[in-house]
Amino acid sequence: GGRPEVMPNFNRLVHEGVYFAQFHANSYRTDRGTLCTWSGYPSFPRSSVMKMPAKTRFMPGIAKSLRTEGYHTAYLYGGDINFTNMRSYLVTTGFEQLHWMKDYSIEEQRTSEWGVRDDITFKTLLEMTASQKSPYLIGFSTLSSHEPWDVPTHRLDDEILNAFNYLDECIGRFISDLRKTPQWDNLLVILLPDHGFS
């Protein structure tokens, strides 16, 4: 009986690290929330700063700051990295290597409405983590916890909760595999939303 837990892996992990229970997404769109995440820049309700290269090229960026300290930087996204001028923003704010849907096979690119499914990109993230020269920063945007909620699993009747359950499974598997690597001992993993939805 009872309703199944939506995010059992995340709920377990919050007890192993630092968890901010009142931490809220900055916006309702990826192009706005991403700027807040990587540049500490507030989102605007009616305009997307990411679509303004004249402005974004002067923005601060955590990747840019870490590069001056000798970090290698990379970004992974299973979707179209050119969408809403994301590529330009990521490059100008310090990400050296960009991995996106065109780095995958045609079959993998069609595994979700937005591009490459999260279980596939999480495997790439694990490989990237193992192959980077230290110190490094890898940014990663997932796709499944986003409408149209198209995921390969069907554990929960509610399509939105089911999509989050699938993402939770991907996170749990990734962290479990990551613990088995030498990188785990000196690694900081941060999970946060770039945006919410109504």
N, C-alpha and C. Protein backbone atom coordinates (compact mmCIF):
# COMPACT_ATOMS: atom_id res chain seq x y z
N GLY A 1 0.79 -1.19 0.00
CA GLY A 1 0.00 0.00 0.00
C GLY A 1 0.84 1.26 0.00
N GLY A 2 0.13 2.36 -0.07
CA GLY A 2 0.77 3.67 -0.01
C GLY A 2 1.34 4.09 -1.35
N ARG A 3 1.60 5.36 -1.46
CA ARG A 3 2.14 5.92 -2.69
C ARG A 3 3.65 5.69 -2.75
N PRO A 4 4.18 5.29 -3.89
CA PRO A 4 5.63 5.07 -3.99
C PRO A 4 6.41 6.38 -3.86
N GLU A 5 7.60 6.29 -3.33
CA GLU A 5 8.45 7.47 -3.18
C GLU A 5 8.92 7.93 -4.56
N VAL A 6 8.84 9.22 -4.81
CA VAL A 6 9.19 9.76 -6.13
C VAL A 6 10.70 9.82 -6.32
N MET A 7 11.43 10.31 -5.31
CA MET A 7 12.88 10.48 -5.46
C MET A 7 13.64 9.84 -4.30
N PRO A 8 13.64 8.51 -4.21
CA PRO A 8 14.30 7.85 -3.08
C PRO A 8 15.81 8.07 -3.03
N ASN A 9 16.47 8.12 -4.18
CA ASN A 9 17.92 8.33 -4.19
C ASN A 9 18.29 9.72 -3.71
N PHE A 10 17.59 10.73 -4.22
CA PHE A 10 17.85 12.10 -3.78
C PHE A 10 17.57 12.25 -2.29
N ASN A 11 16.47 11.68 -1.83
CA ASN A 11 16.12 11.78 -0.41
C ASN A 11 17.15 11.09 0.48
N ARG A 12 17.81 10.07 -0.03
CA ARG A 12 18.89 9.41 0.71
C ARG A 12 20.15 10.28 0.69
N LEU A 13 20.44 10.87 -0.46
CA LEU A 13 21.67 11.67 -0.61
C LEU A 13 21.65 12.96 0.21
N VAL A 14 20.47 13.53 0.46
CA VAL A 14 20.43 14.78 1.21
C VAL A 14 20.98 14.60 2.63
N HIS A 15 21.00 13.37 3.12
CA HIS A 15 21.53 13.11 4.47
C HIS A 15 23.04 12.89 4.46
N GLU A 16 23.63 12.85 3.27
CA GLU A 16 25.07 12.62 3.15
C GLU A 16 25.84 13.89 2.83
N GLY A 17 25.14 14.98 2.59
CA GLY A 17 25.81 16.21 2.21
C GLY A 17 25.16 17.40 2.87
N VAL A 18 25.24 18.54 2.23
CA VAL A 18 24.60 19.76 2.71
C VAL A 18 23.35 19.96 1.87
N TYR A 19 22.22 20.13 2.53
CA TYR A 19 20.94 20.25 1.82
C TYR A 19 20.25 21.55 2.22
N PHE A 20 19.92 22.36 1.22
CA PHE A 20 19.22 23.61 1.46
C PHE A 20 17.75 23.40 1.11
N ALA A 21 16.92 23.26 2.13
CA ALA A 21 15.50 22.94 1.93
C ALA A 21 14.70 24.12 1.37
N GLN A 22 15.18 25.33 1.52
CA GLN A 22 14.46 26.51 1.03
C GLN A 22 15.20 27.16 -0.13
N PHE A 23 15.83 26.35 -0.94
CA PHE A 23 16.57 26.81 -2.11
C PHE A 23 15.64 26.74 -3.31
N HIS A 24 15.39 27.86 -3.96
CA HIS A 24 14.41 27.90 -5.05
C HIS A 24 15.05 28.25 -6.38
N ALA A 25 14.47 27.73 -7.44
CA ALA A 25 14.94 28.05 -8.78
C ALA A 25 14.74 29.54 -9.05
N ASN A 26 15.58 30.09 -9.92
CA ASN A 26 15.56 31.52 -10.20
C ASN A 26 14.52 31.93 -11.23
N SER A 27 14.06 31.00 -12.03
CA SER A 27 13.19 31.38 -13.13
C SER A 27 12.33 30.22 -13.57
N TYR A 28 11.68 30.40 -14.71
CA TYR A 28 10.82 29.37 -15.28
C TYR A 28 11.34 28.88 -16.62
N ARG A 29 12.51 29.36 -17.06
CA ARG A 29 13.10 28.96 -18.34
C ARG A 29 14.59 28.70 -18.18
N THR A 30 15.09 27.73 -18.93
CA THR A 30 16.50 27.36 -18.85
C THR A 30 17.43 28.51 -19.21
N ASP A 31 17.08 29.28 -20.24
CA ASP A 31 17.98 30.36 -20.65
C ASP A 31 18.12 31.44 -19.58
N ARG A 32 17.11 31.58 -18.71
CA ARG A 32 17.22 32.54 -17.61
C ARG A 32 17.92 31.91 -16.41
N GLY A 33 17.51 30.72 -16.05
CA GLY A 33 18.06 30.07 -14.86
C GLY A 33 19.53 29.72 -14.99
N THR A 34 19.97 29.41 -16.21
CA THR A 34 21.38 29.05 -16.42
C THR A 34 22.29 30.24 -16.10
N LEU A 35 21.88 31.43 -16.47
CA LEU A 35 22.68 32.62 -16.15
C LEU A 35 22.79 32.83 -14.65
N CYS A 36 21.72 32.56 -13.94
CA CYS A 36 21.76 32.68 -12.48
C CYS A 36 22.73 31.65 -11.90
N THR A 37 22.66 30.43 -12.41
CA THR A 37 23.50 29.35 -11.91
C THR A 37 24.98 29.63 -12.10
N TRP A 38 25.37 29.98 -13.31
CA TRP A 38 26.80 30.09 -13.64
C TRP A 38 27.37 31.51 -13.52
N SER A 39 26.51 32.53 -13.56
CA SER A 39 27.00 33.90 -13.48
C SER A 39 26.47 34.67 -12.28
N GLY A 40 25.56 34.07 -11.52
CA GLY A 40 24.98 34.77 -10.38
C GLY A 40 24.14 35.95 -10.82
N TYR A 41 23.54 35.84 -12.01
CA TYR A 41 22.81 36.95 -12.59
C TYR A 41 21.31 36.71 -12.46
N PRO A 42 20.54 37.69 -11.98
CA PRO A 42 19.10 37.49 -11.80
C PRO A 42 18.38 37.38 -13.15
N SER A 43 17.26 36.66 -13.15
CA SER A 43 16.50 36.54 -14.39
C SER A 43 15.48 37.67 -14.48
N PHE A 44 15.11 37.99 -15.71
CA PHE A 44 14.10 39.01 -15.96
C PHE A 44 12.84 38.33 -16.49
N PRO A 45 11.68 38.81 -16.13
CA PRO A 45 10.45 38.13 -16.56
C PRO A 45 10.16 38.20 -18.06
N ARG A 46 10.60 39.25 -18.73
CA ARG A 46 10.20 39.42 -20.13
C ARG A 46 11.34 39.41 -21.13
N SER A 47 12.55 39.22 -20.69
CA SER A 47 13.66 39.18 -21.64
C SER A 47 14.70 38.16 -21.21
N SER A 48 15.36 37.60 -22.20
CA SER A 48 16.39 36.60 -21.97
C SER A 48 17.76 37.21 -22.22
N VAL A 49 18.52 37.39 -21.16
CA VAL A 49 19.85 37.99 -21.29
C VAL A 49 20.77 37.05 -22.08
N MET A 50 20.51 35.73 -22.00
CA MET A 50 21.33 34.78 -22.74
C MET A 50 21.28 35.05 -24.25
N LYS A 51 20.22 35.64 -24.71
CA LYS A 51 20.07 35.95 -26.13
C LYS A 51 20.69 37.29 -26.50
N MET A 52 21.44 37.90 -25.56
CA MET A 52 22.07 39.20 -25.80
C MET A 52 23.59 39.06 -25.69
N PRO A 53 24.26 38.59 -26.75
CA PRO A 53 25.71 38.39 -26.69
C PRO A 53 26.49 39.64 -26.29
N ALA A 54 25.99 40.80 -26.66
CA ALA A 54 26.69 42.05 -26.29
C ALA A 54 26.76 42.20 -24.77
N LYS A 55 25.79 41.63 -24.07
CA LYS A 55 25.77 41.69 -22.61
C LYS A 55 26.49 40.49 -21.99
N THR A 56 26.22 39.29 -22.51
CA THR A 56 26.78 38.08 -21.87
C THR A 56 28.30 38.02 -21.97
N ARG A 57 28.88 38.65 -22.98
CA ARG A 57 30.35 38.55 -23.08
C ARG A 57 31.06 39.31 -21.96
N PHE A 58 30.34 40.17 -21.24
CA PHE A 58 30.95 40.90 -20.13
C PHE A 58 30.53 40.34 -18.77
N MET A 59 29.76 39.25 -18.79
CA MET A 59 29.27 38.68 -17.52
C MET A 59 30.36 37.88 -16.81
N PRO A 60 30.29 37.85 -15.49
CA PRO A 60 31.20 36.98 -14.76
C PRO A 60 30.77 35.53 -14.99
N GLY A 61 31.64 34.61 -14.68
CA GLY A 61 31.30 33.19 -14.80
C GLY A 61 32.17 32.37 -13.88
N ILE A 62 31.55 31.43 -13.19
CA ILE A 62 32.33 30.59 -12.27
C ILE A 62 33.38 29.80 -13.03
N ALA A 63 33.04 29.38 -14.26
CA ALA A 63 34.01 28.63 -15.08
C ALA A 63 35.21 29.52 -15.44
N LYS A 64 34.93 30.76 -15.79
CA LYS A 64 36.00 31.70 -16.14
C LYS A 64 36.91 31.94 -14.94
N SER A 65 36.31 32.13 -13.77
CA SER A 65 37.10 32.35 -12.55
C SER A 65 37.97 31.14 -12.21
N LEU A 66 37.39 29.94 -12.34
CA LEU A 66 38.16 28.74 -12.04
C LEU A 66 39.26 28.48 -13.06
N ARG A 67 39.03 28.88 -14.31
CA ARG A 67 40.08 28.71 -15.32
C ARG A 67 41.31 29.53 -14.96
N THR A 68 41.12 30.72 -14.39
CA THR A 68 42.28 31.53 -13.99
C THR A 68 43.06 30.86 -12.86
N GLU A 69 42.40 29.90 -12.17
CA GLU A 69 43.07 29.15 -11.10
C GLU A 69 43.59 27.80 -11.59
N GLY A 70 43.58 27.60 -12.91
CA GLY A 70 44.14 26.38 -13.49
C GLY A 70 43.17 25.24 -13.70
N TYR A 71 41.89 25.49 -13.56
CA TYR A 71 40.89 24.44 -13.77
C TYR A 71 40.64 24.21 -15.26
N HIS A 72 40.35 22.97 -15.60
CA HIS A 72 39.86 22.61 -16.93
C HIS A 72 38.33 22.65 -16.82
N THR A 73 37.67 23.15 -17.85
CA THR A 73 36.22 23.31 -17.77
C THR A 73 35.53 22.65 -18.96
N ALA A 74 34.40 22.03 -18.69
CA ALA A 74 33.62 21.38 -19.75
C ALA A 74 32.14 21.48 -19.39
N TYR A 75 31.30 21.38 -20.42
CA TYR A 75 29.86 21.43 -20.22
C TYR A 75 29.20 20.35 -21.04
N LEU A 76 28.22 19.68 -20.45
CA LEU A 76 27.50 18.60 -21.10
C LEU A 76 26.02 18.91 -21.13
N TYR A 77 25.42 18.77 -22.31
CA TYR A 77 24.00 19.00 -22.47
C TYR A 77 23.49 18.07 -23.56
N GLY A 78 22.46 17.30 -23.27
CA GLY A 78 21.93 16.35 -24.25
C GLY A 78 21.07 16.97 -25.33
N GLY A 79 20.80 18.26 -25.22
CA GLY A 79 19.96 18.94 -26.20
C GLY A 79 20.78 19.76 -27.18
N ASP A 80 20.11 20.71 -27.83
CA ASP A 80 20.74 21.59 -28.81
C ASP A 80 21.42 22.74 -28.09
N ILE A 81 22.73 22.73 -28.07
CA ILE A 81 23.48 23.73 -27.32
C ILE A 81 23.42 25.12 -27.96
N ASN A 82 22.89 25.19 -29.18
CA ASN A 82 22.73 26.49 -29.84
C ASN A 82 21.39 27.14 -29.50
N PHE A 83 20.51 26.39 -28.85
CA PHE A 83 19.19 26.89 -28.49
C PHE A 83 19.33 28.08 -27.54
N THR A 84 18.62 29.14 -27.80
CA THR A 84 18.63 30.39 -27.02
C THR A 84 20.04 30.96 -26.80
N ASN A 85 20.95 30.71 -27.75
CA ASN A 85 22.30 31.28 -27.69
C ASN A 85 23.15 30.68 -26.56
N MET A 86 22.81 29.46 -26.14
CA MET A 86 23.52 28.84 -25.02
C MET A 86 25.02 28.66 -25.29
N ARG A 87 25.37 28.22 -26.50
CA ARG A 87 26.79 27.99 -26.82
C ARG A 87 27.62 29.26 -26.59
N SER A 88 27.16 30.37 -27.15
CA SER A 88 27.88 31.63 -27.00
C SER A 88 28.05 31.99 -25.53
N TYR A 89 26.97 31.87 -24.76
CA TYR A 89 27.04 32.19 -23.34
C TYR A 89 28.05 31.31 -22.62
N LEU A 90 28.00 30.00 -22.83
CA LEU A 90 28.89 29.08 -22.13
C LEU A 90 30.35 29.34 -22.48
N VAL A 91 30.64 29.57 -23.76
CA VAL A 91 32.02 29.82 -24.18
C VAL A 91 32.54 31.13 -23.58
N THR A 92 31.74 32.20 -23.66
CA THR A 92 32.22 33.50 -23.16
C THR A 92 32.33 33.54 -21.64
N THR A 93 31.63 32.65 -20.95
CA THR A 93 31.75 32.64 -19.48
C THR A 93 32.70 31.55 -18.99
N GLY A 94 33.48 30.95 -19.89
CA GLY A 94 34.60 30.14 -19.45
C GLY A 94 34.60 28.65 -19.69
N PHE A 95 33.59 28.09 -20.35
CA PHE A 95 33.62 26.65 -20.60
C PHE A 95 34.41 26.36 -21.87
N GLU A 96 35.46 25.54 -21.71
CA GLU A 96 36.37 25.23 -22.83
C GLU A 96 35.82 24.16 -23.76
N GLN A 97 35.35 23.07 -23.20
CA GLN A 97 34.86 21.94 -24.00
C GLN A 97 33.34 21.85 -23.87
N LEU A 98 32.67 21.73 -25.00
CA LEU A 98 31.22 21.58 -25.00
C LEU A 98 30.85 20.23 -25.60
N HIS A 99 30.06 19.47 -24.89
CA HIS A 99 29.56 18.18 -25.37
C HIS A 99 28.05 18.30 -25.43
N TRP A 100 27.46 17.99 -26.59
CA TRP A 100 26.02 18.15 -26.75
C TRP A 100 25.46 17.09 -27.67
N MET A 101 24.19 17.21 -28.04
CA MET A 101 23.51 16.13 -28.74
C MET A 101 24.19 15.71 -30.03
N LYS A 102 24.85 16.63 -30.73
CA LYS A 102 25.50 16.27 -32.00
C LYS A 102 26.73 15.39 -31.80
N ASP A 103 27.17 15.22 -30.56
CA ASP A 103 28.28 14.31 -30.26
C ASP A 103 27.79 12.88 -30.06
N TYR A 104 26.50 12.65 -30.24
CA TYR A 104 25.90 11.34 -30.08
C TYR A 104 25.39 10.83 -31.43
N SER A 105 25.08 9.54 -31.48
CA SER A 105 24.55 8.95 -32.71
C SER A 105 23.16 9.52 -33.00
N ILE A 106 22.71 9.37 -34.23
CA ILE A 106 21.37 9.83 -34.63
C ILE A 106 20.32 9.14 -33.77
N GLU A 107 20.50 7.84 -33.51
CA GLU A 107 19.55 7.10 -32.69
C GLU A 107 19.47 7.68 -31.28
N GLU A 108 20.63 8.00 -30.69
CA GLU A 108 20.66 8.57 -29.34
C GLU A 108 20.04 9.96 -29.32
N GLN A 109 20.25 10.73 -30.39
CA GLN A 109 19.69 12.09 -30.46
C GLN A 109 18.17 12.08 -30.48
N ARG A 110 17.59 10.96 -30.83
CA ARG A 110 16.12 10.85 -30.93
C ARG A 110 15.50 10.12 -29.75
N THR A 111 16.24 9.97 -28.66
CA THR A 111 15.70 9.20 -27.53
C THR A 111 14.78 10.02 -26.64
N SER A 112 14.73 11.33 -26.83
CA SER A 112 13.75 12.15 -26.12
C SER A 112 13.38 13.33 -27.00
N GLU A 113 12.31 14.00 -26.63
CA GLU A 113 11.82 15.15 -27.42
C GLU A 113 12.89 16.23 -27.55
N TRP A 114 13.67 16.45 -26.47
CA TRP A 114 14.67 17.52 -26.46
C TRP A 114 16.04 17.08 -26.95
N GLY A 115 16.24 15.75 -27.09
CA GLY A 115 17.56 15.28 -27.52
C GLY A 115 17.90 13.93 -26.91
N VAL A 116 19.05 13.87 -26.27
CA VAL A 116 19.58 12.61 -25.74
C VAL A 116 19.10 12.40 -24.30
N ARG A 117 18.53 11.22 -24.06
CA ARG A 117 17.99 10.87 -22.74
C ARG A 117 19.04 10.98 -21.64
N ASP A 118 18.56 11.24 -20.42
CA ASP A 118 19.45 11.44 -19.28
C ASP A 118 20.28 10.21 -18.90
N ASP A 119 19.73 9.01 -19.01
CA ASP A 119 20.54 7.84 -18.64
C ASP A 119 21.76 7.73 -19.55
N ILE A 120 21.65 8.17 -20.79
CA ILE A 120 22.77 8.14 -21.73
C ILE A 120 23.77 9.24 -21.39
N THR A 121 23.28 10.46 -21.14
CA THR A 121 24.21 11.57 -20.86
C THR A 121 24.87 11.41 -19.49
N PHE A 122 24.20 10.78 -18.53
CA PHE A 122 24.85 10.53 -17.24
C PHE A 122 26.04 9.58 -17.41
N LYS A 123 25.96 8.63 -18.35
CA LYS A 123 27.11 7.75 -18.63
C LYS A 123 28.26 8.57 -19.19
N THR A 124 27.92 9.52 -20.07
CA THR A 124 28.95 10.42 -20.62
C THR A 124 29.58 11.24 -19.50
N LEU A 125 28.75 11.74 -18.58
CA LEU A 125 29.26 12.52 -17.45
C LEU A 125 30.24 11.70 -16.62
N LEU A 126 29.93 10.44 -16.39
CA LEU A 126 30.83 9.57 -15.64
C LEU A 126 32.16 9.41 -16.38
N GLU A 127 32.10 9.22 -17.69
CA GLU A 127 33.33 9.10 -18.49
C GLU A 127 34.13 10.40 -18.46
N MET A 128 33.44 11.53 -18.58
CA MET A 128 34.12 12.82 -18.55
C MET A 128 34.81 13.03 -17.20
N THR A 129 34.13 12.66 -16.12
CA THR A 129 34.69 12.83 -14.79
C THR A 129 35.97 12.01 -14.63
N ALA A 130 35.96 10.81 -15.18
CA ALA A 130 37.14 9.94 -15.06
C ALA A 130 38.30 10.38 -15.94
N SER A 131 37.99 11.10 -17.04
CA SER A 131 39.05 11.43 -18.00
C SER A 131 39.59 12.85 -17.88
N GLN A 132 38.99 13.70 -17.06
CA GLN A 132 39.44 15.09 -16.95
C GLN A 132 40.76 15.19 -16.18
N LYS A 133 41.56 16.17 -16.57
CA LYS A 133 42.78 16.47 -15.80
C LYS A 133 42.37 17.32 -14.62
N SER A 134 42.93 17.06 -13.46
CA SER A 134 42.59 17.85 -12.27
C SER A 134 43.38 19.15 -12.26
N PRO A 135 42.81 20.17 -11.67
CA PRO A 135 41.43 20.28 -11.18
C PRO A 135 40.49 20.59 -12.34
N TYR A 136 39.20 20.32 -12.16
CA TYR A 136 38.25 20.54 -13.25
C TYR A 136 36.86 20.89 -12.73
N LEU A 137 36.10 21.51 -13.62
CA LEU A 137 34.69 21.82 -13.39
C LEU A 137 33.92 21.30 -14.59
N ILE A 138 32.89 20.51 -14.32
CA ILE A 138 32.01 20.05 -15.39
C ILE A 138 30.60 20.54 -15.08
N GLY A 139 30.01 21.27 -16.00
CA GLY A 139 28.61 21.66 -15.89
C GLY A 139 27.77 20.67 -16.67
N PHE A 140 26.55 20.41 -16.20
CA PHE A 140 25.69 19.42 -16.86
C PHE A 140 24.23 19.82 -16.68
N SER A 141 23.50 19.87 -17.78
CA SER A 141 22.06 20.13 -17.73
C SER A 141 21.32 18.88 -18.16
N THR A 142 20.40 18.43 -17.32
CA THR A 142 19.60 17.25 -17.65
C THR A 142 18.39 17.68 -18.50
N LEU A 143 17.69 16.68 -19.06
CA LEU A 143 16.54 16.97 -19.92
C LEU A 143 15.21 16.42 -19.40
N SER A 144 15.24 15.34 -18.64
CA SER A 144 14.01 14.60 -18.38
C SER A 144 13.03 15.30 -17.44
N SER A 145 13.51 16.10 -16.52
CA SER A 145 12.61 16.77 -15.58
C SER A 145 12.07 18.05 -16.21
N HIS A 146 11.53 17.90 -17.39
CA HIS A 146 11.08 19.03 -18.21
C HIS A 146 9.98 18.52 -19.13
N GLU A 147 8.97 19.36 -19.33
CA GLU A 147 7.95 18.94 -20.28
C GLU A 147 8.61 18.64 -21.62
N PRO A 148 8.19 17.68 -22.37
CA PRO A 148 6.95 16.92 -22.29
C PRO A 148 7.03 15.66 -21.42
N TRP A 149 8.01 15.57 -20.52
CA TRP A 149 8.08 14.47 -19.55
C TRP A 149 8.21 13.11 -20.21
N ASP A 150 8.91 13.05 -21.36
CA ASP A 150 9.04 11.79 -22.08
C ASP A 150 10.27 11.02 -21.60
N VAL A 151 10.03 10.01 -20.78
CA VAL A 151 11.11 9.19 -20.22
C VAL A 151 10.81 7.72 -20.53
N PRO A 152 11.84 6.86 -20.51
CA PRO A 152 11.64 5.46 -20.88
C PRO A 152 11.01 4.59 -19.79
N THR A 153 10.87 5.11 -18.59
CA THR A 153 10.29 4.31 -17.50
C THR A 153 8.85 4.76 -17.25
N HIS A 154 8.06 3.84 -16.67
CA HIS A 154 6.65 4.15 -16.39
C HIS A 154 6.27 3.55 -15.03
N ARG A 155 6.93 4.05 -13.99
CA ARG A 155 6.68 3.53 -12.63
C ARG A 155 5.54 4.23 -11.92
N LEU A 156 5.32 5.50 -12.25
CA LEU A 156 4.29 6.28 -11.58
C LEU A 156 3.25 6.76 -12.60
N ASP A 157 2.02 6.82 -12.18
CA ASP A 157 0.93 7.22 -13.09
C ASP A 157 1.02 8.69 -13.49
N ASP A 158 1.41 9.55 -12.58
CA ASP A 158 1.55 10.97 -12.87
C ASP A 158 2.79 11.17 -13.74
N GLU A 159 2.62 11.75 -14.95
CA GLU A 159 3.75 11.85 -15.89
C GLU A 159 4.88 12.74 -15.38
N ILE A 160 4.54 13.78 -14.64
CA ILE A 160 5.58 14.67 -14.11
C ILE A 160 6.37 13.97 -13.00
N LEU A 161 5.66 13.37 -12.05
CA LEU A 161 6.33 12.64 -10.97
C LEU A 161 7.13 11.47 -11.52
N ASN A 162 6.60 10.83 -12.56
CA ASN A 162 7.31 9.72 -13.19
C ASN A 162 8.63 10.20 -13.81
N ALA A 163 8.62 11.38 -14.44
CA ALA A 163 9.84 11.93 -15.04
C ALA A 163 10.88 12.23 -13.96
N PHE A 164 10.44 12.77 -12.82
CA PHE A 164 11.37 13.04 -11.73
C PHE A 164 11.89 11.74 -11.12
N ASN A 165 11.06 10.72 -11.09
CA ASN A 165 11.48 9.41 -10.60
C ASN A 165 12.57 8.83 -11.50
N TYR A 166 12.40 8.99 -12.81
CA TYR A 166 13.42 8.54 -13.77
C TYR A 166 14.73 9.30 -13.56
N LEU A 167 14.64 10.62 -13.43
CA LEU A 167 15.85 11.41 -13.18
C LEU A 167 16.51 10.96 -11.88
N ASP A 168 15.72 10.70 -10.86
CA ASP A 168 16.25 10.23 -9.58
C ASP A 168 17.00 8.92 -9.75
N GLU A 169 16.46 8.03 -10.57
CA GLU A 169 17.14 6.76 -10.84
C GLU A 169 18.49 7.02 -11.52
N CYS A 170 18.53 7.95 -12.47
CA CYS A 170 19.78 8.31 -13.15
C CYS A 170 20.80 8.88 -12.16
N ILE A 171 20.34 9.76 -11.28
CA ILE A 171 21.22 10.36 -10.28
C ILE A 171 21.77 9.28 -9.35
N GLY A 172 20.89 8.41 -8.87
CA GLY A 172 21.32 7.35 -7.95
C GLY A 172 22.36 6.44 -8.56
N ARG A 173 22.14 6.03 -9.81
CA ARG A 173 23.09 5.16 -10.51
C ARG A 173 24.42 5.89 -10.72
N PHE A 174 24.34 7.17 -11.12
CA PHE A 174 25.55 7.95 -11.36
C PHE A 174 26.39 8.08 -10.09
N ILE A 175 25.77 8.45 -8.99
CA ILE A 175 26.51 8.62 -7.73
C ILE A 175 27.10 7.29 -7.27
N SER A 176 26.34 6.22 -7.41
CA SER A 176 26.82 4.89 -7.04
C SER A 176 28.05 4.50 -7.86
N ASP A 177 28.00 4.75 -9.17
CA ASP A 177 29.15 4.44 -10.03
C ASP A 177 30.32 5.37 -9.75
N LEU A 178 30.03 6.63 -9.46
CA LEU A 178 31.07 7.61 -9.19
C LEU A 178 31.83 7.28 -7.91
N ARG A 179 31.15 6.73 -6.92
CA ARG A 179 31.80 6.34 -5.66
C ARG A 179 32.89 5.29 -5.88
N LYS A 180 32.78 4.52 -6.94
CA LYS A 180 33.73 3.45 -7.22
C LYS A 180 34.98 3.94 -7.95
N THR A 181 35.02 5.23 -8.31
CA THR A 181 36.16 5.77 -9.05
C THR A 181 37.15 6.46 -8.11
N PRO A 182 38.39 6.58 -8.53
CA PRO A 182 39.39 7.30 -7.71
C PRO A 182 39.05 8.77 -7.52
N GLN A 183 38.28 9.35 -8.45
CA GLN A 183 37.94 10.77 -8.39
C GLN A 183 37.03 11.09 -7.20
N TRP A 184 36.31 10.11 -6.70
CA TRP A 184 35.31 10.35 -5.66
C TRP A 184 35.89 11.03 -4.43
N ASP A 185 37.11 10.68 -4.03
CA ASP A 185 37.69 11.19 -2.79
C ASP A 185 37.91 12.70 -2.78
N ASN A 186 38.08 13.30 -3.94
CA ASN A 186 38.34 14.74 -4.01
C ASN A 186 37.32 15.47 -4.85
N LEU A 187 36.08 15.02 -4.80
CA LEU A 187 35.06 15.54 -5.69
C LEU A 187 33.93 16.24 -4.93
N LEU A 188 33.46 17.34 -5.47
CA LEU A 188 32.29 18.03 -4.95
C LEU A 188 31.21 17.94 -6.01
N VAL A 189 30.07 17.36 -5.67
CA VAL A 189 28.94 17.24 -6.59
C VAL A 189 27.84 18.17 -6.09
N ILE A 190 27.37 19.05 -6.95
CA ILE A 190 26.33 20.01 -6.58
C ILE A 190 25.13 19.78 -7.50
N LEU A 191 23.97 19.57 -6.91
CA LEU A 191 22.73 19.38 -7.68
C LEU A 191 21.81 20.56 -7.38
N LEU A 192 21.35 21.25 -8.43
CA LEU A 192 20.41 22.34 -8.21
C LEU A 192 19.54 22.54 -9.43
N PRO A 193 18.38 23.14 -9.25
CA PRO A 193 17.51 23.41 -10.40
C PRO A 193 17.92 24.70 -11.10
N ASP A 194 17.80 24.72 -12.41
CA ASP A 194 18.02 25.99 -13.10
C ASP A 194 16.71 26.75 -13.22
N HIS A 195 15.59 26.02 -13.22
CA HIS A 195 14.30 26.72 -13.24
C HIS A 195 13.20 25.80 -12.73
N GLY A 196 12.10 26.40 -12.38
CA GLY A 196 10.94 25.64 -11.95
C GLY A 196 9.84 25.74 -12.99
N PHE A 197 8.63 25.34 -12.64
CA PHE A 197 7.51 25.48 -13.55
C PHE A 197 6.24 25.66 -12.73
N SER A 198 5.26 26.27 -13.34
CA SER A 198 4.00 26.56 -12.64
C SER A 198 3.14 25.32 -12.60
